[in-house]
Amino acid sequence: MSGSQPGGNPEDLEPLCLGLLGLRRRALQELSSARTFSDQFLTKFLRARDLDVELSLKLLLNYQRWRRESPEISRCLSPSSVLGLLNTTYHAVLPQRDHSGSRVLIYRIGQWDPKDWLAFQVFSVSLMTSEIISMETETQMQGLKAIFDLQGWSLGHALQVNPSLARKMSSVLSDSFPLKVRGIHLVNEPMFFRPVFAMIRPFLPDKIRQRIHMHGAAFQETLSDFFSASILPPEYGGEGPGIEGVCQDWTNELLQSETLLQQIATHPTGDIAIPPEDCWISERVEAEQLSEG
């Protein structure tokens, strides 16, 4: 049995169905207080780890742990609360995917004024986008690539990225969020960005490190080795829509997703297909089950 996907590669649904059975069983064993998880939710974790049940389980447990240990970020999924930052054209998701079907994200770090916005608020923008695109079937299968434009990076930015935040950021990139990171491209990176990168780098697995590409100021000559001109904005050497319009379009997409993101942020597990009251066994019921056992 197979299903045709927008990216062109069919997916064999039989391994996915078997994976769902196995992952649900293992997840409920590991998370003894959980009642159930939806197919839609578990599928994100399976596809992010190519249907390997044990790796998907580890990712799911890390996601739950990360949400629990980082409430200042995981519970701050409100686009309207960072609208001032979004209106600076800080962030965009390109309307077209790359040749492999990956989503392409752009972060314009210089648009972030560290006097106005704390680093965890800026990071929450990335988390909001990640939650939204992780629901897309093609993105679950083909992942994402990110371009970080570091023009304007300053000491004020660097001072906000402490080891604790660096660890949380790298955790989402590597092992705590159900998305495949296919590539990270840094452009316009100044020399004094390197100490911050050196702080983040040790927390990244080798696989992610190998997918980081530094293009410098001559990025328009080298980005074309990874992305077709048809999808990139002119500001990045492409022929696609301008960056400001693309940023505004994605800001509108985030604002339209405000209610959805708030539901995810306040949900016990993030699995909004399951009503919150049905996610966890209550302490009373759990105590009764233990006494009966």
C-alpha atoms as a PDB file:
ATOM      1  CA  MET A   1       0.000   0.000   0.000  1.00  0.00           C
ATOM      2  CA  SER A   2       1.421   3.388  -0.868  1.00  0.00           C
ATOM      3  CA  GLY A   3       0.374   7.026  -0.911  1.00  0.00           C
ATOM      4  CA  SER A   4       1.568   9.665  -3.329  1.00  0.00           C
ATOM      5  CA  GLN A   5       3.183  12.680  -1.678  1.00  0.00           C
ATOM      6  CA  PRO A   6       3.395  16.250  -3.034  1.00  0.00           C
ATOM      7  CA  GLY A   7       7.187  15.997  -3.249  1.00  0.00           C
ATOM      8  CA  GLY A   8       6.919  13.147  -5.696  1.00  0.00           C
ATOM      9  CA  ASN A   9       8.197  10.221  -3.626  1.00  0.00           C
ATOM     10  CA  PRO A  10       5.465   7.727  -2.673  1.00  0.00           C
ATOM     11  CA  GLU A  11       5.357   6.538   0.905  1.00  0.00           C
ATOM     12  CA  ASP A  12       4.704   2.913   1.765  1.00  0.00           C
ATOM     13  CA  LEU A  13       1.940   3.128   4.356  1.00  0.00           C
ATOM     14  CA  GLU A  14       2.320  -0.397   5.722  1.00  0.00           C
ATOM     15  CA  PRO A  15       5.615   0.343   7.558  1.00  0.00           C
ATOM     16  CA  LEU A  16       4.074   3.584   8.822  1.00  0.00           C
ATOM     17  CA  CYS A  17       1.054   1.739  10.240  1.00  0.00           C
ATOM     18  CA  LEU A  18       3.286  -0.848  11.896  1.00  0.00           C
ATOM     19  CA  GLY A  19       5.463   1.960  13.238  1.00  0.00           C
ATOM     20  CA  LEU A  20       2.437   3.683  14.751  1.00  0.00           C
ATOM     21  CA  LEU A  21       1.455   0.518  16.599  1.00  0.00           C
ATOM     22  CA  GLY A  22       4.966   0.001  17.905  1.00  0.00           C
ATOM     23  CA  LEU A  23       5.609   3.617  18.852  1.00  0.00           C
ATOM     24  CA  ARG A  24       2.292   4.015  20.657  1.00  0.00           C
ATOM     25  CA  ARG A  25       2.916   0.851  22.662  1.00  0.00           C
ATOM     26  CA  ARG A  26       6.445   1.897  23.612  1.00  0.00           C
ATOM     27  CA  ALA A  27       5.441   5.502  24.379  1.00  0.00           C
ATOM     28  CA  LEU A  28       2.683   4.411  26.740  1.00  0.00           C
ATOM     29  CA  GLN A  29       5.122   2.082  28.474  1.00  0.00           C
ATOM     30  CA  GLU A  30       7.671   4.857  28.972  1.00  0.00           C
ATOM     31  CA  LEU A  31       5.165   7.589  29.825  1.00  0.00           C
ATOM     32  CA  SER A  32       3.108   5.671  32.369  1.00  0.00           C
ATOM     33  CA  SER A  33       0.826   8.624  33.091  1.00  0.00           C
ATOM     34  CA  ALA A  34      -0.193   9.084  29.446  1.00  0.00           C
ATOM     35  CA  ARG A  35      -3.532   7.741  28.221  1.00  0.00           C
ATOM     36  CA  THR A  36      -2.879   7.783  24.482  1.00  0.00           C
ATOM     37  CA  PHE A  37      -1.378   9.645  21.519  1.00  0.00           C
ATOM     38  CA  SER A  38      -3.004  10.333  18.162  1.00  0.00           C
ATOM     39  CA  ASP A  39      -1.766   8.856  14.883  1.00  0.00           C
ATOM     40  CA  GLN A  40      -1.304  12.377  13.517  1.00  0.00           C
ATOM     41  CA  PHE A  41       1.017  13.310  16.394  1.00  0.00           C
ATOM     42  CA  LEU A  42       3.076  10.119  16.400  1.00  0.00           C
ATOM     43  CA  THR A  43       3.513  10.230  12.619  1.00  0.00           C
ATOM     44  CA  LYS A  44       5.588  13.417  12.961  1.00  0.00           C
ATOM     45  CA  PHE A  45       8.109  11.612  15.146  1.00  0.00           C
ATOM     46  CA  LEU A  46       8.203   8.484  12.989  1.00  0.00           C
ATOM     47  CA  ARG A  47       8.833  10.385   9.765  1.00  0.00           C
ATOM     48  CA  ALA A  48      11.470  12.543  11.461  1.00  0.00           C
ATOM     49  CA  ARG A  49      13.396   9.342  12.220  1.00  0.00           C
ATOM     50  CA  ASP A  50      12.606   7.427   9.017  1.00  0.00           C
ATOM     51  CA  LEU A  51      10.083   5.125  10.757  1.00  0.00           C
ATOM     52  CA  ASP A  52      12.622   3.739  13.255  1.00  0.00           C
ATOM     53  CA  VAL A  53      10.473   3.091  16.344  1.00  0.00           C
ATOM     54  CA  GLU A  54      13.253   3.254  18.945  1.00  0.00           C
ATOM     55  CA  LEU A  55      14.734   6.462  17.521  1.00  0.00           C
ATOM     56  CA  SER A  56      11.236   7.948  17.225  1.00  0.00           C
ATOM     57  CA  LEU A  57      10.535   7.037  20.844  1.00  0.00           C
ATOM     58  CA  LYS A  58      13.722   8.761  21.981  1.00  0.00           C
ATOM     59  CA  LEU A  59      12.742  11.860  19.996  1.00  0.00           C
ATOM     60  CA  LEU A  60       9.234  11.852  21.492  1.00  0.00           C
ATOM     61  CA  LEU A  61      10.569  11.526  25.049  1.00  0.00           C
ATOM     62  CA  ASN A  62      13.085  14.309  24.430  1.00  0.00           C
ATOM     63  CA  TYR A  63      10.315  16.537  23.047  1.00  0.00           C
ATOM     64  CA  GLN A  64       8.194  15.974  26.142  1.00  0.00           C
ATOM     65  CA  ARG A  65      11.179  16.589  28.418  1.00  0.00           C
ATOM     66  CA  TRP A  66      12.200  19.730  26.539  1.00  0.00           C
ATOM     67  CA  ARG A  67       8.692  21.198  26.785  1.00  0.00           C
ATOM     68  CA  ARG A  68       8.584  20.435  30.493  1.00  0.00           C
ATOM     69  CA  GLU A  69      12.031  21.846  31.273  1.00  0.00           C
ATOM     70  CA  SER A  70      11.777  24.980  29.079  1.00  0.00           C
ATOM     71  CA  PRO A  71       8.335  26.456  29.804  1.00  0.00           C
ATOM     72  CA  GLU A  72       9.610  30.003  29.234  1.00  0.00           C
ATOM     73  CA  ILE A  73       9.902  29.063  25.553  1.00  0.00           C
ATOM     74  CA  SER A  74       7.578  26.102  24.981  1.00  0.00           C
ATOM     75  CA  ARG A  75       4.621  27.936  26.528  1.00  0.00           C
ATOM     76  CA  CYS A  76       5.375  31.198  24.724  1.00  0.00           C
ATOM     77  CA  LEU A  77       3.874  30.478  21.314  1.00  0.00           C
ATOM     78  CA  SER A  78       2.027  33.719  20.693  1.00  0.00           C
ATOM     79  CA  PRO A  79       2.822  35.477  17.400  1.00  0.00           C
ATOM     80  CA  SER A  80       0.976  38.610  18.520  1.00  0.00           C
ATOM     81  CA  SER A  81       3.325  38.922  21.522  1.00  0.00           C
ATOM     82  CA  VAL A  82       6.328  39.289  19.175  1.00  0.00           C
ATOM     83  CA  LEU A  83       4.563  41.170  16.380  1.00  0.00           C
ATOM     84  CA  GLY A  84       6.978  44.084  16.703  1.00  0.00           C
ATOM     85  CA  LEU A  85       9.866  41.742  15.952  1.00  0.00           C
ATOM     86  CA  LEU A  86       8.041  40.022  13.091  1.00  0.00           C
ATOM     87  CA  ASN A  87       7.197  43.401  11.542  1.00  0.00           C
ATOM     88  CA  THR A  88      10.909  44.179  11.224  1.00  0.00           C
ATOM     89  CA  THR A  89      11.029  41.467   8.505  1.00  0.00           C
ATOM     90  CA  TYR A  90      13.139  39.258  10.760  1.00  0.00           C
ATOM     91  CA  HIS A  91      11.805  35.892   9.597  1.00  0.00           C
ATOM     92  CA  ALA A  92      10.347  34.221   6.523  1.00  0.00           C
ATOM     93  CA  VAL A  93       9.439  30.816   5.162  1.00  0.00           C
ATOM     94  CA  LEU A  94       9.864  30.851   1.400  1.00  0.00           C
ATOM     95  CA  PRO A  95       6.676  30.090  -0.547  1.00  0.00           C
ATOM     96  CA  GLN A  96       8.455  27.485  -2.714  1.00  0.00           C
ATOM     97  CA  ARG A  97      10.320  24.424  -1.504  1.00  0.00           C
ATOM     98  CA  ASP A  98      13.785  23.557  -2.721  1.00  0.00           C
ATOM     99  CA  HIS A  99      14.528  20.877  -5.332  1.00  0.00           C
ATOM    100  CA  SER A 100      14.366  18.090  -2.706  1.00  0.00           C
ATOM    101  CA  GLY A 101      11.045  19.216  -1.233  1.00  0.00           C
ATOM    102  CA  SER A 102      12.533  20.820   1.891  1.00  0.00           C
ATOM    103  CA  ARG A 103      11.031  23.941   3.405  1.00  0.00           C
ATOM    104  CA  VAL A 104      13.444  26.902   3.307  1.00  0.00           C
ATOM    105  CA  LEU A 105      13.487  29.296   6.270  1.00  0.00           C
ATOM    106  CA  ILE A 106      15.306  32.638   6.475  1.00  0.00           C
ATOM    107  CA  TYR A 107      16.305  34.450   9.677  1.00  0.00           C
ATOM    108  CA  ARG A 108      17.637  38.010   9.364  1.00  0.00           C
ATOM    109  CA  ILE A 109      19.464  38.408  12.664  1.00  0.00           C
ATOM    110  CA  GLY A 110      20.323  42.075  12.096  1.00  0.00           C
ATOM    111  CA  GLN A 111      16.613  42.943  12.207  1.00  0.00           C
ATOM    112  CA  TRP A 112      16.510  41.811  15.837  1.00  0.00           C
ATOM    113  CA  ASP A 113      17.225  44.723  18.197  1.00  0.00           C
ATOM    114  CA  PRO A 114      18.535  43.145  21.425  1.00  0.00           C
ATOM    115  CA  LYS A 115      17.437  46.236  23.355  1.00  0.00           C
ATOM    116  CA  ASP A 116      13.819  45.455  22.492  1.00  0.00           C
ATOM    117  CA  TRP A 117      13.668  41.662  22.379  1.00  0.00           C
ATOM    118  CA  LEU A 118      15.180  39.000  24.606  1.00  0.00           C
ATOM    119  CA  ALA A 119      16.878  36.023  22.988  1.00  0.00           C
ATOM    120  CA  PHE A 120      14.248  33.554  24.241  1.00  0.00           C
ATOM    121  CA  GLN A 121      11.513  35.655  22.586  1.00  0.00           C
ATOM    122  CA  VAL A 122      13.445  35.579  19.317  1.00  0.00           C
ATOM    123  CA  PHE A 123      13.936  31.821  19.633  1.00  0.00           C
ATOM    124  CA  SER A 124      10.205  31.376  20.236  1.00  0.00           C
ATOM    125  CA  VAL A 125       9.594  32.617  16.664  1.00  0.00           C
ATOM    126  CA  SER A 126      11.572  29.651  15.369  1.00  0.00           C
ATOM    127  CA  LEU A 127       9.600  27.304  17.598  1.00  0.00           C
ATOM    128  CA  MET A 128       6.268  28.690  16.344  1.00  0.00           C
ATOM    129  CA  THR A 129       7.290  28.154  12.739  1.00  0.00           C
ATOM    130  CA  SER A 130       8.584  24.673  13.555  1.00  0.00           C
ATOM    131  CA  GLU A 131       5.292  23.648  15.154  1.00  0.00           C
ATOM    132  CA  ILE A 132       3.338  24.819  12.111  1.00  0.00           C
ATOM    133  CA  ILE A 133       5.483  23.290   9.384  1.00  0.00           C
ATOM    134  CA  SER A 134       5.896  20.023  11.316  1.00  0.00           C
ATOM    135  CA  MET A 135       2.216  19.384  10.558  1.00  0.00           C
ATOM    136  CA  GLU A 136       2.897  19.358   6.796  1.00  0.00           C
ATOM    137  CA  THR A 137       3.264  15.874   5.337  1.00  0.00           C
ATOM    138  CA  GLU A 138       5.955  16.845   2.840  1.00  0.00           C
ATOM    139  CA  THR A 139       7.948  18.711   5.476  1.00  0.00           C
ATOM    140  CA  GLN A 140       7.745  15.700   7.803  1.00  0.00           C
ATOM    141  CA  MET A 141       9.345  13.641   5.046  1.00  0.00           C
ATOM    142  CA  GLN A 142      11.732  16.126   3.413  1.00  0.00           C
ATOM    143  CA  GLY A 143      12.645  18.365   6.343  1.00  0.00           C
ATOM    144  CA  LEU A 144      13.872  21.942   6.299  1.00  0.00           C
ATOM    145  CA  LYS A 145      16.882  24.064   5.440  1.00  0.00           C
ATOM    146  CA  ALA A 146      17.597  27.366   7.161  1.00  0.00           C
ATOM    147  CA  ILE A 147      19.492  30.463   6.038  1.00  0.00           C
ATOM    148  CA  PHE A 148      20.753  32.713   8.849  1.00  0.00           C
ATOM    149  CA  ASP A 149      21.715  36.182   7.637  1.00  0.00           C
ATOM    150  CA  LEU A 150      24.104  37.526  10.283  1.00  0.00           C
ATOM    151  CA  GLN A 151      24.595  40.985   8.815  1.00  0.00           C
ATOM    152  CA  GLY A 152      24.299  43.402  11.726  1.00  0.00           C
ATOM    153  CA  TRP A 153      25.321  40.834  14.365  1.00  0.00           C
ATOM    154  CA  SER A 154      26.656  42.789  17.343  1.00  0.00           C
ATOM    155  CA  LEU A 155      28.024  42.390  20.834  1.00  0.00           C
ATOM    156  CA  GLY A 156      24.505  43.065  22.113  1.00  0.00           C
ATOM    157  CA  HIS A 157      23.270  39.960  20.325  1.00  0.00           C
ATOM    158  CA  ALA A 158      26.186  37.860  21.535  1.00  0.00           C
ATOM    159  CA  LEU A 159      25.694  38.807  25.181  1.00  0.00           C
ATOM    160  CA  GLN A 160      22.159  37.397  25.134  1.00  0.00           C
ATOM    161  CA  VAL A 161      23.182  33.927  23.965  1.00  0.00           C
ATOM    162  CA  ASN A 162      24.346  32.239  27.177  1.00  0.00           C
ATOM    163  CA  PRO A 163      25.324  28.541  27.519  1.00  0.00           C
ATOM    164  CA  SER A 164      21.888  27.588  28.873  1.00  0.00           C
ATOM    165  CA  LEU A 165      20.060  29.082  25.880  1.00  0.00           C
ATOM    166  CA  ALA A 166      22.672  27.670  23.501  1.00  0.00           C
ATOM    167  CA  ARG A 167      21.998  24.200  24.906  1.00  0.00           C
ATOM    168  CA  LYS A 168      18.234  24.584  24.478  1.00  0.00           C
ATOM    169  CA  MET A 169      18.598  25.873  20.918  1.00  0.00           C
ATOM    170  CA  SER A 170      20.916  23.052  19.909  1.00  0.00           C
ATOM    171  CA  SER A 171      18.604  20.517  21.537  1.00  0.00           C
ATOM    172  CA  VAL A 172      15.718  21.587  19.305  1.00  0.00           C
ATOM    173  CA  LEU A 173      18.007  21.470  16.267  1.00  0.00           C
ATOM    174  CA  SER A 174      19.312  18.001  17.011  1.00  0.00           C
ATOM    175  CA  ASP A 175      17.190  15.683  19.137  1.00  0.00           C
ATOM    176  CA  SER A 176      14.106  17.291  20.679  1.00  0.00           C
ATOM    177  CA  PHE A 177      11.861  18.366  17.803  1.00  0.00           C
ATOM    178  CA  PRO A 178      10.195  16.236  15.102  1.00  0.00           C
ATOM    179  CA  LEU A 179      11.779  17.864  12.057  1.00  0.00           C
ATOM    180  CA  LYS A 180      14.680  16.831   9.861  1.00  0.00           C
ATOM    181  CA  VAL A 181      17.245  19.630   9.615  1.00  0.00           C
ATOM    182  CA  ARG A 182      18.736  19.113   6.149  1.00  0.00           C
ATOM    183  CA  GLY A 183      21.010  22.136   6.092  1.00  0.00           C
ATOM    184  CA  ILE A 184      22.025  25.306   7.954  1.00  0.00           C
ATOM    185  CA  HIS A 185      23.516  28.122   5.905  1.00  0.00           C
ATOM    186  CA  LEU A 186      25.198  31.136   7.506  1.00  0.00           C
ATOM    187  CA  VAL A 187      25.693  34.273   5.404  1.00  0.00           C
ATOM    188  CA  ASN A 188      27.362  37.582   6.269  1.00  0.00           C
ATOM    189  CA  GLU A 189      28.809  36.067   9.430  1.00  0.00           C
ATOM    190  CA  PRO A 190      31.297  38.447  11.118  1.00  0.00           C
ATOM    191  CA  MET A 191      34.469  37.308  12.857  1.00  0.00           C
ATOM    192  CA  PHE A 192      33.041  37.949  16.327  1.00  0.00           C
ATOM    193  CA  PHE A 193      30.165  35.569  15.682  1.00  0.00           C
ATOM    194  CA  ARG A 194      32.596  32.673  15.960  1.00  0.00           C
ATOM    195  CA  PRO A 195      32.751  32.614  19.808  1.00  0.00           C
ATOM    196  CA  VAL A 196      28.958  32.190  19.929  1.00  0.00           C
ATOM    197  CA  PHE A 197      29.055  29.472  17.320  1.00  0.00           C
ATOM    198  CA  ALA A 198      31.838  27.786  19.299  1.00  0.00           C
ATOM    199  CA  MET A 199      29.483  27.776  22.319  1.00  0.00           C
ATOM    200  CA  ILE A 200      26.671  26.080  20.375  1.00  0.00           C
ATOM    201  CA  ARG A 201      28.779  23.671  18.328  1.00  0.00           C
ATOM    202  CA  PRO A 202      29.668  21.163  21.124  1.00  0.00           C
ATOM    203  CA  PHE A 203      25.976  20.493  21.759  1.00  0.00           C
ATOM    204  CA  LEU A 204      25.334  19.554  18.122  1.00  0.00           C
ATOM    205  CA  PRO A 205      25.699  15.986  16.850  1.00  0.00           C
ATOM    206  CA  ASP A 206      28.199  15.328  14.064  1.00  0.00           C
ATOM    207  CA  LYS A 207      25.380  14.908  11.544  1.00  0.00           C
ATOM    208  CA  ILE A 208      24.171  18.473  12.115  1.00  0.00           C
ATOM    209  CA  ARG A 209      27.700  19.911  12.204  1.00  0.00           C
ATOM    210  CA  GLN A 210      28.353  18.435   8.770  1.00  0.00           C
ATOM    211  CA  ARG A 211      25.277  20.210   7.431  1.00  0.00           C
ATOM    212  CA  ILE A 212      26.408  23.688   8.514  1.00  0.00           C
ATOM    213  CA  HIS A 213      27.766  25.830   5.678  1.00  0.00           C
ATOM    214  CA  MET A 214      29.437  29.227   6.160  1.00  0.00           C
ATOM    215  CA  HIS A 215      29.161  31.423   3.077  1.00  0.00           C
ATOM    216  CA  GLY A 216      30.515  34.764   4.315  1.00  0.00           C
ATOM    217  CA  ALA A 217      29.878  38.016   2.460  1.00  0.00           C
ATOM    218  CA  ALA A 218      30.182  36.368  -0.973  1.00  0.00           C
ATOM    219  CA  PHE A 219      27.119  34.219  -0.276  1.00  0.00           C
ATOM    220  CA  GLN A 220      25.364  35.036  -3.555  1.00  0.00           C
ATOM    221  CA  GLU A 221      28.052  33.075  -5.379  1.00  0.00           C
ATOM    222  CA  THR A 222      27.769  29.984  -3.197  1.00  0.00           C
ATOM    223  CA  LEU A 223      24.117  29.764  -2.097  1.00  0.00           C
ATOM    224  CA  SER A 224      23.320  28.884  -5.695  1.00  0.00           C
ATOM    225  CA  ASP A 225      25.190  25.613  -5.157  1.00  0.00           C
ATOM    226  CA  PHE A 226      22.433  24.592  -2.729  1.00  0.00           C
ATOM    227  CA  PHE A 227      19.294  26.479  -3.814  1.00  0.00           C
ATOM    228  CA  SER A 228      17.864  27.267  -7.225  1.00  0.00           C
ATOM    229  CA  ALA A 229      17.563  30.944  -8.133  1.00  0.00           C
ATOM    230  CA  SER A 230      13.829  30.537  -8.742  1.00  0.00           C
ATOM    231  CA  ILE A 231      13.040  30.125  -5.032  1.00  0.00           C
ATOM    232  CA  LEU A 232      15.498  32.596  -3.424  1.00  0.00           C
ATOM    233  CA  PRO A 233      14.629  36.283  -2.945  1.00  0.00           C
ATOM    234  CA  PRO A 234      16.684  38.755  -5.050  1.00  0.00           C
ATOM    235  CA  GLU A 235      18.438  39.883  -1.851  1.00  0.00           C
ATOM    236  CA  TYR A 236      19.990  36.416  -1.718  1.00  0.00           C
ATOM    237  CA  GLY A 237      20.905  36.130  -5.370  1.00  0.00           C
ATOM    238  CA  GLY A 238      17.614  34.650  -6.546  1.00  0.00           C
ATOM    239  CA  GLU A 239      14.690  35.444  -8.779  1.00  0.00           C
ATOM    240  CA  GLY A 240      11.863  34.763  -6.336  1.00  0.00           C
ATOM    241  CA  PRO A 241       9.653  37.240  -4.445  1.00  0.00           C
ATOM    242  CA  GLY A 242      11.400  39.988  -2.449  1.00  0.00           C
ATOM    243  CA  ILE A 243      12.333  39.242   1.139  1.00  0.00           C
ATOM    244  CA  GLU A 244      10.157  41.927   2.730  1.00  0.00           C
ATOM    245  CA  GLY A 245       7.002  40.638   1.075  1.00  0.00           C
ATOM    246  CA  VAL A 246       7.855  37.038   1.936  1.00  0.00           C
ATOM    247  CA  CYS A 247       8.445  38.018   5.571  1.00  0.00           C
ATOM    248  CA  GLN A 248       5.096  39.797   5.727  1.00  0.00           C
ATOM    249  CA  ASP A 249       3.298  36.831   4.186  1.00  0.00           C
ATOM    250  CA  TRP A 250       4.745  34.477   6.805  1.00  0.00           C
ATOM    251  CA  THR A 251       3.947  36.939   9.601  1.00  0.00           C
ATOM    252  CA  ASN A 252       0.317  36.812   8.434  1.00  0.00           C
ATOM    253  CA  GLU A 253       0.467  33.009   8.420  1.00  0.00           C
ATOM    254  CA  LEU A 254       1.735  32.991  12.005  1.00  0.00           C
ATOM    255  CA  LEU A 255      -0.930  35.444  13.145  1.00  0.00           C
ATOM    256  CA  GLN A 256      -3.638  33.312  11.548  1.00  0.00           C
ATOM    257  CA  SER A 257      -2.247  30.356  13.524  1.00  0.00           C
ATOM    258  CA  GLU A 258      -2.374  32.136  16.899  1.00  0.00           C
ATOM    259  CA  THR A 259      -5.177  30.011  18.336  1.00  0.00           C
ATOM    260  CA  LEU A 260      -3.606  26.779  17.115  1.00  0.00           C
ATOM    261  CA  LEU A 261      -0.222  27.701  18.591  1.00  0.00           C
ATOM    262  CA  GLN A 262      -1.796  28.648  21.908  1.00  0.00           C
ATOM    263  CA  GLN A 263      -3.522  25.264  22.020  1.00  0.00           C
ATOM    264  CA  ILE A 264      -0.166  23.525  21.477  1.00  0.00           C
ATOM    265  CA  ALA A 265       1.570  25.698  24.085  1.00  0.00           C
ATOM    266  CA  THR A 266      -0.953  24.963  26.824  1.00  0.00           C
ATOM    267  CA  HIS A 267      -1.555  21.305  25.956  1.00  0.00           C
ATOM    268  CA  PRO A 268      -0.041  18.731  28.362  1.00  0.00           C
ATOM    269  CA  THR A 269       1.718  16.787  25.581  1.00  0.00           C
ATOM    270  CA  GLY A 270       1.414  19.045  22.519  1.00  0.00           C
ATOM    271  CA  ASP A 271      -0.858  16.457  20.867  1.00  0.00           C
ATOM    272  CA  ILE A 272      -3.825  18.723  20.206  1.00  0.00           C
ATOM    273  CA  ALA A 273      -5.750  15.947  18.416  1.00  0.00           C
ATOM    274  CA  ILE A 274      -6.375  14.558  21.927  1.00  0.00           C
ATOM    275  CA  PRO A 275      -8.403  16.738  24.343  1.00  0.00           C
ATOM    276  CA  PRO A 276      -6.171  17.871  27.241  1.00  0.00           C
ATOM    277  CA  GLU A 277      -8.347  16.141  29.824  1.00  0.00           C
ATOM    278  CA  ASP A 278      -7.897  12.825  27.986  1.00  0.00           C
ATOM    279  CA  CYS A 279      -4.089  12.967  27.718  1.00  0.00           C
ATOM    280  CA  TRP A 280      -3.004  12.097  31.205  1.00  0.00           C
ATOM    281  CA  ILE A 281      -4.352   9.654  33.757  1.00  0.00           C
ATOM    282  CA  SER A 282      -5.437  11.731  36.720  1.00  0.00           C
ATOM    283  CA  GLU A 283      -3.572  11.264  39.987  1.00  0.00           C
ATOM    284  CA  ARG A 284      -6.723   9.782  41.546  1.00  0.00           C
ATOM    285  CA  VAL A 285      -7.250   7.227  38.754  1.00  0.00           C
ATOM    286  CA  GLU A 286      -3.568   6.373  38.703  1.00  0.00           C
ATOM    287  CA  ALA A 287      -3.589   5.776  42.478  1.00  0.00           C
ATOM    288  CA  GLU A 288      -6.642   3.531  42.111  1.00  0.00           C
ATOM    289  CA  GLN A 289      -4.917   1.528  39.360  1.00  0.00           C
ATOM    290  CA  LEU A 290      -1.818   1.100  41.502  1.00  0.00           C
ATOM    291  CA  SER A 291      -3.851  -0.041  44.514  1.00  0.00           C
ATOM    292  CA  GLU A 292      -5.784  -2.541  42.388  1.00  0.00           C
ATOM    293  CA  GLY A 293      -2.503  -3.875  40.983  1.00  0.00           C
END
